[in-house]
Amino acid sequence: MPAASTILVVEDDAIVRMLIVDVLEELEFQVLEAADAGEALTVVQDTAQVIDLMMTDVGLPDMDGKQLATKVRELRATLPILFASGYAENIDVPAGMQVIAKPFSIDQLRDKVKSML
């Protein structure tokens, strides 16, 4: 059986982050967590850490999700990035990145993640 894909979840709201992590772990993904962009960049800069997808909130306290995505892509040019936003219809995302609208169902999250991997 192939190793589970690893997803980095970046979400500043601890309860929302916990729920997303729990759902992804139930779907048998390996999950890394970051509460803000700074923590996320530390994880991404760890070259030994395998990351197959980054899921980030758009509204983060230290820099927004799109700024984070730009910095992450400087380090890992092909990493798929999934933005989660309550304002998904207003987000213009670069190639290789997608958006899921909050609130989302477990099935919507599963389908979106699997399509990106």
PDB file of N, CA and C in Angstrom:
ATOM      1  N   MET A   1       0.853  -1.187   0.000  1.00  0.00           N
ATOM      2  CA  MET A   1       0.000   0.000   0.000  1.00  0.00           C
ATOM      3  C   MET A   1       0.893   1.243   0.000  1.00  0.00           C
ATOM      4  N   PRO A   2       0.621   2.209  -0.886  1.00  0.00           N
ATOM      5  CA  PRO A   2       1.467   3.401  -0.943  1.00  0.00           C
ATOM      6  C   PRO A   2       1.331   4.244   0.321  1.00  0.00           C
ATOM      7  N   ALA A   3       2.384   4.991   0.611  1.00  0.00           N
ATOM      8  CA  ALA A   3       2.362   5.872   1.778  1.00  0.00           C
ATOM      9  C   ALA A   3       1.289   6.943   1.594  1.00  0.00           C
ATOM     10  N   ALA A   4       0.714   7.354   2.701  1.00  0.00           N
ATOM     11  CA  ALA A   4      -0.323   8.387   2.654  1.00  0.00           C
ATOM     12  C   ALA A   4       0.294   9.717   2.238  1.00  0.00           C
ATOM     13  N   SER A   5      -0.462  10.490   1.497  1.00  0.00           N
ATOM     14  CA  SER A   5      -0.019  11.833   1.120  1.00  0.00           C
ATOM     15  C   SER A   5       0.012  12.717   2.363  1.00  0.00           C
ATOM     16  N   THR A   6       0.937  13.674   2.348  1.00  0.00           N
ATOM     17  CA  THR A   6       1.093  14.580   3.479  1.00  0.00           C
ATOM     18  C   THR A   6       0.566  15.960   3.108  1.00  0.00           C
ATOM     19  N   ILE A   7      -0.298  16.489   3.962  1.00  0.00           N
ATOM     20  CA  ILE A   7      -0.930  17.785   3.737  1.00  0.00           C
ATOM     21  C   ILE A   7      -0.546  18.726   4.869  1.00  0.00           C
ATOM     22  N   LEU A   8      -0.082  19.913   4.499  1.00  0.00           N
ATOM     23  CA  LEU A   8       0.201  20.969   5.472  1.00  0.00           C
ATOM     24  C   LEU A   8      -1.034  21.852   5.560  1.00  0.00           C
ATOM     25  N   VAL A   9      -1.634  21.942   6.741  1.00  0.00           N
ATOM     26  CA  VAL A   9      -2.818  22.759   6.977  1.00  0.00           C
ATOM     27  C   VAL A   9      -2.395  24.029   7.703  1.00  0.00           C
ATOM     28  N   VAL A  10      -2.683  25.180   7.080  1.00  0.00           N
ATOM     29  CA  VAL A  10      -2.340  26.475   7.665  1.00  0.00           C
ATOM     30  C   VAL A  10      -3.648  27.209   7.969  1.00  0.00           C
ATOM     31  N   GLU A  11      -3.941  27.358   9.254  1.00  0.00           N
ATOM     32  CA  GLU A  11      -5.213  27.960   9.686  1.00  0.00           C
ATOM     33  C   GLU A  11      -4.986  28.590  11.051  1.00  0.00           C
ATOM     34  N   ASP A  12      -5.298  29.879  11.191  1.00  0.00           N
ATOM     35  CA  ASP A  12      -5.054  30.566  12.457  1.00  0.00           C
ATOM     36  C   ASP A  12      -6.119  30.295  13.515  1.00  0.00           C
ATOM     37  N   ASP A  13      -7.307  29.890  13.109  1.00  0.00           N
ATOM     38  CA  ASP A  13      -8.365  29.565  14.069  1.00  0.00           C
ATOM     39  C   ASP A  13      -8.145  28.126  14.545  1.00  0.00           C
ATOM     40  N   ALA A  14      -7.781  27.969  15.822  1.00  0.00           N
ATOM     41  CA  ALA A  14      -7.412  26.654  16.354  1.00  0.00           C
ATOM     42  C   ALA A  14      -8.528  25.622  16.210  1.00  0.00           C
ATOM     43  N   ILE A  15      -9.763  26.021  16.400  1.00  0.00           N
ATOM     44  CA  ILE A  15     -10.886  25.074  16.308  1.00  0.00           C
ATOM     45  C   ILE A  15     -11.084  24.626  14.863  1.00  0.00           C
ATOM     46  N   VAL A  16     -11.046  25.568  13.943  1.00  0.00           N
ATOM     47  CA  VAL A  16     -11.198  25.225  12.522  1.00  0.00           C
ATOM     48  C   VAL A  16     -10.040  24.322  12.086  1.00  0.00           C
ATOM     49  N   ARG A  17      -8.819  24.674  12.502  1.00  0.00           N
ATOM     50  CA  ARG A  17      -7.645  23.868  12.145  1.00  0.00           C
ATOM     51  C   ARG A  17      -7.810  22.448  12.676  1.00  0.00           C
ATOM     52  N   MET A  18      -8.237  22.310  13.937  1.00  0.00           N
ATOM     53  CA  MET A  18      -8.416  20.998  14.539  1.00  0.00           C
ATOM     54  C   MET A  18      -9.440  20.173  13.753  1.00  0.00           C
ATOM     55  N   LEU A  19     -10.540  20.797  13.360  1.00  0.00           N
ATOM     56  CA  LEU A  19     -11.573  20.082  12.604  1.00  0.00           C
ATOM     57  C   LEU A  19     -11.049  19.612  11.254  1.00  0.00           C
ATOM     58  N   ILE A  20     -10.333  20.489  10.545  1.00  0.00           N
ATOM     59  CA  ILE A  20      -9.789  20.118   9.239  1.00  0.00           C
ATOM     60  C   ILE A  20      -8.778  18.985   9.389  1.00  0.00           C
ATOM     61  N   VAL A  21      -7.897  19.107  10.378  1.00  0.00           N
ATOM     62  CA  VAL A  21      -6.891  18.063  10.621  1.00  0.00           C
ATOM     63  C   VAL A  21      -7.577  16.740  10.936  1.00  0.00           C
ATOM     64  N   ASP A  22      -8.578  16.753  11.803  1.00  0.00           N
ATOM     65  CA  ASP A  22      -9.295  15.528  12.159  1.00  0.00           C
ATOM     66  C   ASP A  22      -9.916  14.871  10.928  1.00  0.00           C
ATOM     67  N   VAL A  23     -10.552  15.670  10.082  1.00  0.00           N
ATOM     68  CA  VAL A  23     -11.187  15.127   8.875  1.00  0.00           C
ATOM     69  C   VAL A  23     -10.132  14.515   7.949  1.00  0.00           C
ATOM     70  N   LEU A  24      -9.047  15.241   7.717  1.00  0.00           N
ATOM     71  CA  LEU A  24      -8.004  14.731   6.820  1.00  0.00           C
ATOM     72  C   LEU A  24      -7.360  13.462   7.375  1.00  0.00           C
ATOM     73  N   GLU A  25      -7.162  13.405   8.692  1.00  0.00           N
ATOM     74  CA  GLU A  25      -6.600  12.195   9.287  1.00  0.00           C
ATOM     75  C   GLU A  25      -7.571  11.021   9.177  1.00  0.00           C
ATOM     76  N   GLU A  26      -8.877  11.284   9.319  1.00  0.00           N
ATOM     77  CA  GLU A  26      -9.872  10.225   9.126  1.00  0.00           C
ATOM     78  C   GLU A  26      -9.859   9.709   7.697  1.00  0.00           C
ATOM     79  N   LEU A  27      -9.507  10.597   6.759  1.00  0.00           N
ATOM     80  CA  LEU A  27      -9.401  10.216   5.345  1.00  0.00           C
ATOM     81  C   LEU A  27      -8.042   9.580   5.041  1.00  0.00           C
ATOM     82  N   GLU A  28      -7.263   9.344   6.094  1.00  0.00           N
ATOM     83  CA  GLU A  28      -5.977   8.643   6.049  1.00  0.00           C
ATOM     84  C   GLU A  28      -4.853   9.423   5.387  1.00  0.00           C
ATOM     85  N   PHE A  29      -4.899  10.750   5.499  1.00  0.00           N
ATOM     86  CA  PHE A  29      -3.778  11.579   5.082  1.00  0.00           C
ATOM     87  C   PHE A  29      -2.879  11.818   6.290  1.00  0.00           C
ATOM     88  N   GLN A  30      -1.591  12.025   6.026  1.00  0.00           N
ATOM     89  CA  GLN A  30      -0.671  12.504   7.053  1.00  0.00           C
ATOM     90  C   GLN A  30      -0.853  14.016   7.089  1.00  0.00           C
ATOM     91  N   VAL A  31      -0.910  14.611   8.269  1.00  0.00           N
ATOM     92  CA  VAL A  31      -1.198  16.035   8.355  1.00  0.00           C
ATOM     93  C   VAL A  31      -0.153  16.749   9.208  1.00  0.00           C
ATOM     94  N   LEU A  32       0.321  17.874   8.681  1.00  0.00           N
ATOM     95  CA  LEU A  32       1.176  18.797   9.411  1.00  0.00           C
ATOM     96  C   LEU A  32       0.343  20.040   9.662  1.00  0.00           C
ATOM     97  N   GLU A  33       0.600  20.729  10.777  1.00  0.00           N
ATOM     98  CA  GLU A  33      -0.205  21.899  11.128  1.00  0.00           C
ATOM     99  C   GLU A  33       0.651  23.138  11.306  1.00  0.00           C
ATOM    100  N   ALA A  34       0.079  24.282  10.937  1.00  0.00           N
ATOM    101  CA  ALA A  34       0.705  25.576  11.205  1.00  0.00           C
ATOM    102  C   ALA A  34      -0.400  26.565  11.527  1.00  0.00           C
ATOM    103  N   ALA A  35      -0.169  27.388  12.564  1.00  0.00           N
ATOM    104  CA  ALA A  35      -1.166  28.367  12.994  1.00  0.00           C
ATOM    105  C   ALA A  35      -1.052  29.689  12.246  1.00  0.00           C
ATOM    106  N   ASP A  36       0.072  29.867  11.542  1.00  0.00           N
ATOM    107  CA  ASP A  36       0.252  31.109  10.786  1.00  0.00           C
ATOM    108  C   ASP A  36       1.275  30.890   9.675  1.00  0.00           C
ATOM    109  N   ALA A  37       1.487  31.909   8.866  1.00  0.00           N
ATOM    110  CA  ALA A  37       2.387  31.792   7.719  1.00  0.00           C
ATOM    111  C   ALA A  37       3.826  31.536   8.151  1.00  0.00           C
ATOM    112  N   GLY A  38       4.240  32.151   9.249  1.00  0.00           N
ATOM    113  CA  GLY A  38       5.602  31.940   9.737  1.00  0.00           C
ATOM    114  C   GLY A  38       5.871  30.486  10.068  1.00  0.00           C
ATOM    115  N   GLU A  39       4.940  29.858  10.785  1.00  0.00           N
ATOM    116  CA  GLU A  39       5.083  28.435  11.109  1.00  0.00           C
ATOM    117  C   GLU A  39       5.080  27.600   9.835  1.00  0.00           C
ATOM    118  N   ALA A  40       4.215  27.950   8.897  1.00  0.00           N
ATOM    119  CA  ALA A  40       4.128  27.205   7.639  1.00  0.00           C
ATOM    120  C   ALA A  40       5.445  27.275   6.873  1.00  0.00           C
ATOM    121  N   LEU A  41       6.031  28.460   6.812  1.00  0.00           N
ATOM    122  CA  LEU A  41       7.299  28.606   6.094  1.00  0.00           C
ATOM    123  C   LEU A  41       8.407  27.797   6.752  1.00  0.00           C
ATOM    124  N   THR A  42       8.397  27.712   8.079  1.00  0.00           N
ATOM    125  CA  THR A  42       9.388  26.893   8.783  1.00  0.00           C
ATOM    126  C   THR A  42       9.253  25.435   8.370  1.00  0.00           C
ATOM    127  N   VAL A  43       8.021  24.944   8.294  1.00  0.00           N
ATOM    128  CA  VAL A  43       7.783  23.553   7.886  1.00  0.00           C
ATOM    129  C   VAL A  43       8.237  23.350   6.439  1.00  0.00           C
ATOM    130  N   VAL A  44       7.868  24.258   5.561  1.00  0.00           N
ATOM    131  CA  VAL A  44       8.205  24.128   4.141  1.00  0.00           C
ATOM    132  C   VAL A  44       9.717  24.209   3.921  1.00  0.00           C
ATOM    133  N   GLN A  45      10.403  25.014   4.714  1.00  0.00           N
ATOM    134  CA  GLN A  45      11.851  25.160   4.568  1.00  0.00           C
ATOM    135  C   GLN A  45      12.610  23.927   5.032  1.00  0.00           C
ATOM    136  N   ASP A  46      11.974  23.046   5.791  1.00  0.00           N
ATOM    137  CA  ASP A  46      12.591  21.802   6.223  1.00  0.00           C
ATOM    138  C   ASP A  46      12.630  20.864   5.015  1.00  0.00           C
ATOM    139  N   THR A  47      13.766  20.832   4.350  1.00  0.00           N
ATOM    140  CA  THR A  47      13.865  20.095   3.086  1.00  0.00           C
ATOM    141  C   THR A  47      13.656  18.597   3.247  1.00  0.00           C
ATOM    142  N   ALA A  48      13.797  18.078   4.463  1.00  0.00           N
ATOM    143  CA  ALA A  48      13.579  16.648   4.688  1.00  0.00           C
ATOM    144  C   ALA A  48      12.089  16.310   4.774  1.00  0.00           C
ATOM    145  N   GLN A  49      11.257  17.325   4.969  1.00  0.00           N
ATOM    146  CA  GLN A  49       9.821  17.101   5.159  1.00  0.00           C
ATOM    147  C   GLN A  49       9.105  16.980   3.811  1.00  0.00           C
ATOM    148  N   VAL A  50       8.474  15.837   3.598  1.00  0.00           N
ATOM    149  CA  VAL A  50       7.692  15.643   2.382  1.00  0.00           C
ATOM    150  C   VAL A  50       6.332  16.315   2.570  1.00  0.00           C
ATOM    151  N   ILE A  51       5.946  17.146   1.619  1.00  0.00           N
ATOM    152  CA  ILE A  51       4.623  17.780   1.626  1.00  0.00           C
ATOM    153  C   ILE A  51       4.046  17.614   0.229  1.00  0.00           C
ATOM    154  N   ASP A  52       2.853  17.043   0.154  1.00  0.00           N
ATOM    155  CA  ASP A  52       2.227  16.803  -1.139  1.00  0.00           C
ATOM    156  C   ASP A  52       1.217  17.882  -1.517  1.00  0.00           C
ATOM    157  N   LEU A  53       0.713  18.615  -0.498  1.00  0.00           N
ATOM    158  CA  LEU A  53      -0.296  19.644  -0.717  1.00  0.00           C
ATOM    159  C   LEU A  53      -0.288  20.585   0.478  1.00  0.00           C
ATOM    160  N   MET A  54      -0.454  21.874   0.210  1.00  0.00           N
ATOM    161  CA  MET A  54      -0.642  22.827   1.301  1.00  0.00           C
ATOM    162  C   MET A  54      -2.053  23.379   1.193  1.00  0.00           C
ATOM    163  N   MET A  55      -2.778  23.316   2.300  1.00  0.00           N
ATOM    164  CA  MET A  55      -4.108  23.910   2.390  1.00  0.00           C
ATOM    165  C   MET A  55      -4.010  25.087   3.337  1.00  0.00           C
ATOM    166  N   THR A  56      -4.333  26.278   2.847  1.00  0.00           N
ATOM    167  CA  THR A  56      -4.182  27.462   3.681  1.00  0.00           C
ATOM    168  C   THR A  56      -5.422  28.335   3.677  1.00  0.00           C
ATOM    169  N   ASP A  57      -5.696  28.910   4.834  1.00  0.00           N
ATOM    170  CA  ASP A  57      -6.721  29.933   4.945  1.00  0.00           C
ATOM    171  C   ASP A  57      -6.213  31.150   4.175  1.00  0.00           C
ATOM    172  N   VAL A  58      -7.109  31.909   3.601  1.00  0.00           N
ATOM    173  CA  VAL A  58      -6.702  33.126   2.893  1.00  0.00           C
ATOM    174  C   VAL A  58      -6.384  34.228   3.896  1.00  0.00           C
ATOM    175  N   GLY A  59      -7.199  34.357   4.944  1.00  0.00           N
ATOM    176  CA  GLY A  59      -7.020  35.424   5.915  1.00  0.00           C
ATOM    177  C   GLY A  59      -6.189  34.983   7.104  1.00  0.00           C
ATOM    178  N   LEU A  60      -4.880  35.154   7.008  1.00  0.00           N
ATOM    179  CA  LEU A  60      -3.973  34.829   8.109  1.00  0.00           C
ATOM    180  C   LEU A  60      -3.494  36.119   8.760  1.00  0.00           C
ATOM    181  N   PRO A  61      -3.120  36.075  10.031  1.00  0.00           N
ATOM    182  CA  PRO A  61      -2.765  37.314  10.737  1.00  0.00           C
ATOM    183  C   PRO A  61      -1.448  37.953  10.298  1.00  0.00           C
ATOM    184  N   ASP A  62      -0.442  37.157   9.939  1.00  0.00           N
ATOM    185  CA  ASP A  62       0.868  37.729   9.653  1.00  0.00           C
ATOM    186  C   ASP A  62       1.102  38.044   8.177  1.00  0.00           C
ATOM    187  N   MET A  63       0.504  37.298   7.305  1.00  0.00           N
ATOM    188  CA  MET A  63       0.503  37.590   5.865  1.00  0.00           C
ATOM    189  C   MET A  63      -0.659  36.802   5.294  1.00  0.00           C
ATOM    190  N   ASP A  64      -1.233  37.266   4.193  1.00  0.00           N
ATOM    191  CA  ASP A  64      -2.401  36.533   3.696  1.00  0.00           C
ATOM    192  C   ASP A  64      -1.958  35.263   2.965  1.00  0.00           C
ATOM    193  N   GLY A  65      -2.926  34.411   2.707  1.00  0.00           N
ATOM    194  CA  GLY A  65      -2.642  33.118   2.097  1.00  0.00           C
ATOM    195  C   GLY A  65      -1.975  33.213   0.735  1.00  0.00           C
ATOM    196  N   LYS A  66      -2.333  34.230  -0.039  1.00  0.00           N
ATOM    197  CA  LYS A  66      -1.715  34.375  -1.361  1.00  0.00           C
ATOM    198  C   LYS A  66      -0.251  34.784  -1.239  1.00  0.00           C
ATOM    199  N   GLN A  67       0.071  35.634  -0.269  1.00  0.00           N
ATOM    200  CA  GLN A  67       1.479  35.998  -0.038  1.00  0.00           C
ATOM    201  C   GLN A  67       2.268  34.771   0.426  1.00  0.00           C
ATOM    202  N   LEU A  68       1.657  33.984   1.306  1.00  0.00           N
ATOM    203  CA  LEU A  68       2.285  32.749   1.758  1.00  0.00           C
ATOM    204  C   LEU A  68       2.534  31.822   0.575  1.00  0.00           C
ATOM    205  N   ALA A  69       1.534  31.662  -0.280  1.00  0.00           N
ATOM    206  CA  ALA A  69       1.671  30.781  -1.445  1.00  0.00           C
ATOM    207  C   ALA A  69       2.832  31.219  -2.332  1.00  0.00           C
ATOM    208  N   THR A  70       2.982  32.520  -2.517  1.00  0.00           N
ATOM    209  CA  THR A  70       4.089  33.036  -3.333  1.00  0.00           C
ATOM    210  C   THR A  70       5.432  32.639  -2.727  1.00  0.00           C
ATOM    211  N   LYS A  71       5.566  32.801  -1.414  1.00  0.00           N
ATOM    212  CA  LYS A  71       6.827  32.445  -0.736  1.00  0.00           C
ATOM    213  C   LYS A  71       7.069  30.938  -0.771  1.00  0.00           C
ATOM    214  N   VAL A  72       6.007  30.159  -0.583  1.00  0.00           N
ATOM    215  CA  VAL A  72       6.133  28.700  -0.616  1.00  0.00           C
ATOM    216  C   VAL A  72       6.561  28.235  -1.998  1.00  0.00           C
ATOM    217  N   ARG A  73       5.995  28.822  -3.026  1.00  0.00           N
ATOM    218  CA  ARG A  73       6.345  28.433  -4.393  1.00  0.00           C
ATOM    219  C   ARG A  73       7.796  28.786  -4.747  1.00  0.00           C
ATOM    220  N   GLU A  74       8.383  29.761  -4.055  1.00  0.00           N
ATOM    221  CA  GLU A  74       9.805  30.059  -4.254  1.00  0.00           C
ATOM    222  C   GLU A  74      10.661  28.901  -3.744  1.00  0.00           C
ATOM    223  N   LEU A  75      10.153  28.176  -2.743  1.00  0.00           N
ATOM    224  CA  LEU A  75      10.876  27.058  -2.143  1.00  0.00           C
ATOM    225  C   LEU A  75      10.519  25.718  -2.788  1.00  0.00           C
ATOM    226  N   ARG A  76       9.252  25.570  -3.132  1.00  0.00           N
ATOM    227  CA  ARG A  76       8.752  24.318  -3.724  1.00  0.00           C
ATOM    228  C   ARG A  76       7.835  24.693  -4.887  1.00  0.00           C
ATOM    229  N   ALA A  77       8.448  24.844  -6.035  1.00  0.00           N
ATOM    230  CA  ALA A  77       7.779  25.443  -7.196  1.00  0.00           C
ATOM    231  C   ALA A  77       6.527  24.706  -7.670  1.00  0.00           C
ATOM    232  N   THR A  78       6.441  23.416  -7.441  1.00  0.00           N
ATOM    233  CA  THR A  78       5.316  22.650  -7.980  1.00  0.00           C
ATOM    234  C   THR A  78       4.307  22.210  -6.922  1.00  0.00           C
ATOM    235  N   LEU A  79       4.482  22.670  -5.680  1.00  0.00           N
ATOM    236  CA  LEU A  79       3.584  22.233  -4.614  1.00  0.00           C
ATOM    237  C   LEU A  79       2.154  22.703  -4.880  1.00  0.00           C
ATOM    238  N   PRO A  80       1.188  21.778  -4.946  1.00  0.00           N
ATOM    239  CA  PRO A  80      -0.207  22.190  -5.106  1.00  0.00           C
ATOM    240  C   PRO A  80      -0.676  22.942  -3.852  1.00  0.00           C
ATOM    241  N   ILE A  81      -1.438  23.997  -4.066  1.00  0.00           N
ATOM    242  CA  ILE A  81      -1.918  24.816  -2.958  1.00  0.00           C
ATOM    243  C   ILE A  81      -3.429  24.974  -3.062  1.00  0.00           C
ATOM    244  N   LEU A  82      -4.103  24.702  -1.939  1.00  0.00           N
ATOM    245  CA  LEU A  82      -5.554  24.822  -1.844  1.00  0.00           C
ATOM    246  C   LEU A  82      -5.873  25.929  -0.848  1.00  0.00           C
ATOM    247  N   PHE A  83      -6.567  26.957  -1.333  1.00  0.00           N
ATOM    248  CA  PHE A  83      -7.001  28.046  -0.459  1.00  0.00           C
ATOM    249  C   PHE A  83      -8.381  27.721   0.079  1.00  0.00           C
ATOM    250  N   ALA A  84      -8.599  28.012   1.371  1.00  0.00           N
ATOM    251  CA  ALA A  84      -9.919  27.879   1.983  1.00  0.00           C
ATOM    252  C   ALA A  84     -10.377  29.287   2.341  1.00  0.00           C
ATOM    253  N   SER A  85     -11.571  29.648   1.875  1.00  0.00           N
ATOM    254  CA  SER A  85     -12.033  31.013   2.117  1.00  0.00           C
ATOM    255  C   SER A  85     -13.549  31.085   2.171  1.00  0.00           C
ATOM    256  N   GLY A  86     -14.020  31.957   3.024  1.00  0.00           N
ATOM    257  CA  GLY A  86     -15.443  32.259   3.062  1.00  0.00           C
ATOM    258  C   GLY A  86     -15.848  33.191   1.930  1.00  0.00           C
ATOM    259  N   TYR A  87     -14.855  33.685   1.211  1.00  0.00           N
ATOM    260  CA  TYR A  87     -15.096  34.626   0.107  1.00  0.00           C
ATOM    261  C   TYR A  87     -14.502  34.077  -1.176  1.00  0.00           C
ATOM    262  N   ALA A  88     -14.700  32.775  -1.418  1.00  0.00           N
ATOM    263  CA  ALA A  88     -14.032  32.073  -2.519  1.00  0.00           C
ATOM    264  C   ALA A  88     -14.319  32.677  -3.886  1.00  0.00           C
ATOM    265  N   GLU A  89     -15.502  33.242  -4.072  1.00  0.00           N
ATOM    266  CA  GLU A  89     -15.840  33.773  -5.391  1.00  0.00           C
ATOM    267  C   GLU A  89     -15.026  35.020  -5.738  1.00  0.00           C
ATOM    268  N   ASN A  90     -14.378  35.607  -4.759  1.00  0.00           N
ATOM    269  CA  ASN A  90     -13.602  36.827  -4.985  1.00  0.00           C
ATOM    270  C   ASN A  90     -12.105  36.580  -5.102  1.00  0.00           C
ATOM    271  N   ILE A  91     -11.694  35.332  -5.163  1.00  0.00           N
ATOM    272  CA  ILE A  91     -10.266  35.019  -5.163  1.00  0.00           C
ATOM    273  C   ILE A  91      -9.810  34.608  -6.559  1.00  0.00           C
ATOM    274  N   ASP A  92      -8.775  35.283  -7.033  1.00  0.00           N
ATOM    275  CA  ASP A  92      -8.134  34.944  -8.294  1.00  0.00           C
ATOM    276  C   ASP A  92      -6.861  34.190  -7.937  1.00  0.00           C
ATOM    277  N   VAL A  93      -6.751  32.933  -8.347  1.00  0.00           N
ATOM    278  CA  VAL A  93      -5.596  32.134  -7.950  1.00  0.00           C
ATOM    279  C   VAL A  93      -4.727  31.761  -9.146  1.00  0.00           C
ATOM    280  N   PRO A  94      -3.418  31.707  -8.935  1.00  0.00           N
ATOM    281  CA  PRO A  94      -2.488  31.317  -9.991  1.00  0.00           C
ATOM    282  C   PRO A  94      -2.634  29.841 -10.361  1.00  0.00           C
ATOM    283  N   ALA A  95      -1.997  29.451 -11.439  1.00  0.00           N
ATOM    284  CA  ALA A  95      -2.014  28.065 -11.903  1.00  0.00           C
ATOM    285  C   ALA A  95      -1.488  27.133 -10.818  1.00  0.00           C
ATOM    286  N   GLY A  96      -2.076  25.946 -10.737  1.00  0.00           N
ATOM    287  CA  GLY A  96      -1.650  24.968  -9.750  1.00  0.00           C
ATOM    288  C   GLY A  96      -2.233  25.190  -8.377  1.00  0.00           C
ATOM    289  N   MET A  97      -3.103  26.188  -8.269  1.00  0.00           N
ATOM    290  CA  MET A  97      -3.738  26.486  -6.989  1.00  0.00           C
ATOM    291  C   MET A  97      -5.249  26.479  -7.189  1.00  0.00           C
ATOM    292  N   GLN A  98      -5.965  26.042  -6.171  1.00  0.00           N
ATOM    293  CA  GLN A  98      -7.415  25.997  -6.243  1.00  0.00           C
ATOM    294  C   GLN A  98      -8.009  26.565  -4.961  1.00  0.00           C
ATOM    295  N   VAL A  99      -9.335  26.749  -4.978  1.00  0.00           N
ATOM    296  CA  VAL A  99     -10.039  27.328  -3.838  1.00  0.00           C
ATOM    297  C   VAL A  99     -11.181  26.406  -3.436  1.00  0.00           C
ATOM    298  N   ILE A 100     -11.388  26.277  -2.126  1.00  0.00           N
ATOM    299  CA  ILE A 100     -12.580  25.618  -1.600  1.00  0.00           C
ATOM    300  C   ILE A 100     -13.276  26.635  -0.702  1.00  0.00           C
ATOM    301  N   ALA A 101     -14.583  26.761  -0.881  1.00  0.00           N
ATOM    302  CA  ALA A 101     -15.357  27.762  -0.138  1.00  0.00           C
ATOM    303  C   ALA A 101     -15.735  27.231   1.238  1.00  0.00           C
ATOM    304  N   LYS A 102     -15.505  28.066   2.256  1.00  0.00           N
ATOM    305  CA  LYS A 102     -15.975  27.758   3.610  1.00  0.00           C
ATOM    306  C   LYS A 102     -17.410  28.228   3.736  1.00  0.00           C
ATOM    307  N   PRO A 103     -18.249  27.527   4.432  1.00  0.00           N
ATOM    308  CA  PRO A 103     -17.996  26.210   5.009  1.00  0.00           C
ATOM    309  C   PRO A 103     -18.069  25.127   3.930  1.00  0.00           C
ATOM    310  N   PHE A 104     -17.310  24.063   4.100  1.00  0.00           N
ATOM    311  CA  PHE A 104     -17.324  22.965   3.147  1.00  0.00           C
ATOM    312  C   PHE A 104     -17.643  21.674   3.883  1.00  0.00           C
ATOM    313  N   SER A 105     -18.177  20.719   3.146  1.00  0.00           N
ATOM    314  CA  SER A 105     -18.506  19.415   3.737  1.00  0.00           C
ATOM    315  C   SER A 105     -17.269  18.517   3.705  1.00  0.00           C
ATOM    316  N   ILE A 106     -17.332  17.447   4.455  1.00  0.00           N
ATOM    317  CA  ILE A 106     -16.255  16.457   4.443  1.00  0.00           C
ATOM    318  C   ILE A 106     -16.079  15.915   3.029  1.00  0.00           C
ATOM    319  N   ASP A 107     -17.185  15.631   2.352  1.00  0.00           N
ATOM    320  CA  ASP A 107     -17.109  15.098   0.988  1.00  0.00           C
ATOM    321  C   ASP A 107     -16.475  16.105   0.029  1.00  0.00           C
ATOM    322  N   GLN A 108     -16.824  17.387   0.162  1.00  0.00           N
ATOM    323  CA  GLN A 108     -16.230  18.408  -0.704  1.00  0.00           C
ATOM    324  C   GLN A 108     -14.726  18.499  -0.470  1.00  0.00           C
ATOM    325  N   LEU A 109     -14.314  18.464   0.790  1.00  0.00           N
ATOM    326  CA  LEU A 109     -12.893  18.535   1.109  1.00  0.00           C
ATOM    327  C   LEU A 109     -12.165  17.314   0.556  1.00  0.00           C
ATOM    328  N   ARG A 110     -12.710  16.143   0.800  1.00  0.00           N
ATOM    329  CA  ARG A 110     -12.090  14.906   0.294  1.00  0.00           C
ATOM    330  C   ARG A 110     -11.929  14.951  -1.219  1.00  0.00           C
ATOM    331  N   ASP A 111     -12.996  15.317  -1.919  1.00  0.00           N
ATOM    332  CA  ASP A 111     -12.958  15.329  -3.382  1.00  0.00           C
ATOM    333  C   ASP A 111     -11.959  16.355  -3.916  1.00  0.00           C
ATOM    334  N   LYS A 112     -11.932  17.529  -3.313  1.00  0.00           N
ATOM    335  CA  LYS A 112     -11.016  18.583  -3.763  1.00  0.00           C
ATOM    336  C   LYS A 112      -9.571  18.166  -3.549  1.00  0.00           C
ATOM    337  N   VAL A 113      -9.277  17.652  -2.358  1.00  0.00           N
ATOM    338  CA  VAL A 113      -7.905  17.226  -2.051  1.00  0.00           C
ATOM    339  C   VAL A 113      -7.465  16.099  -2.974  1.00  0.00           C
ATOM    340  N   LYS A 114      -8.302  15.106  -3.136  1.00  0.00           N
ATOM    341  CA  LYS A 114      -7.942  13.961  -3.999  1.00  0.00           C
ATOM    342  C   LYS A 114      -7.743  14.417  -5.441  1.00  0.00           C
ATOM    343  N   SER A 115      -8.541  15.369  -5.908  1.00  0.00           N
ATOM    344  CA  SER A 115      -8.378  15.849  -7.299  1.00  0.00           C
ATOM    345  C   SER A 115      -7.062  16.591  -7.482  1.00  0.00           C
ATOM    346  N   MET A 116      -6.585  17.222  -6.420  1.00  0.00           N
ATOM    347  CA  MET A 116      -5.337  17.994  -6.514  1.00  0.00           C
ATOM    348  C   MET A 116      -4.105  17.112  -6.366  1.00  0.00           C
ATOM    349  N   LEU A 117      -4.261  15.961  -5.732  1.00  0.00           N
ATOM    350  CA  LEU A 117      -3.130  15.044  -5.550  1.00  0.00           C
ATOM    351  C   LEU A 117      -3.010  14.110  -6.739  1.00  0.00           C
TER     352      LEU A 117
END
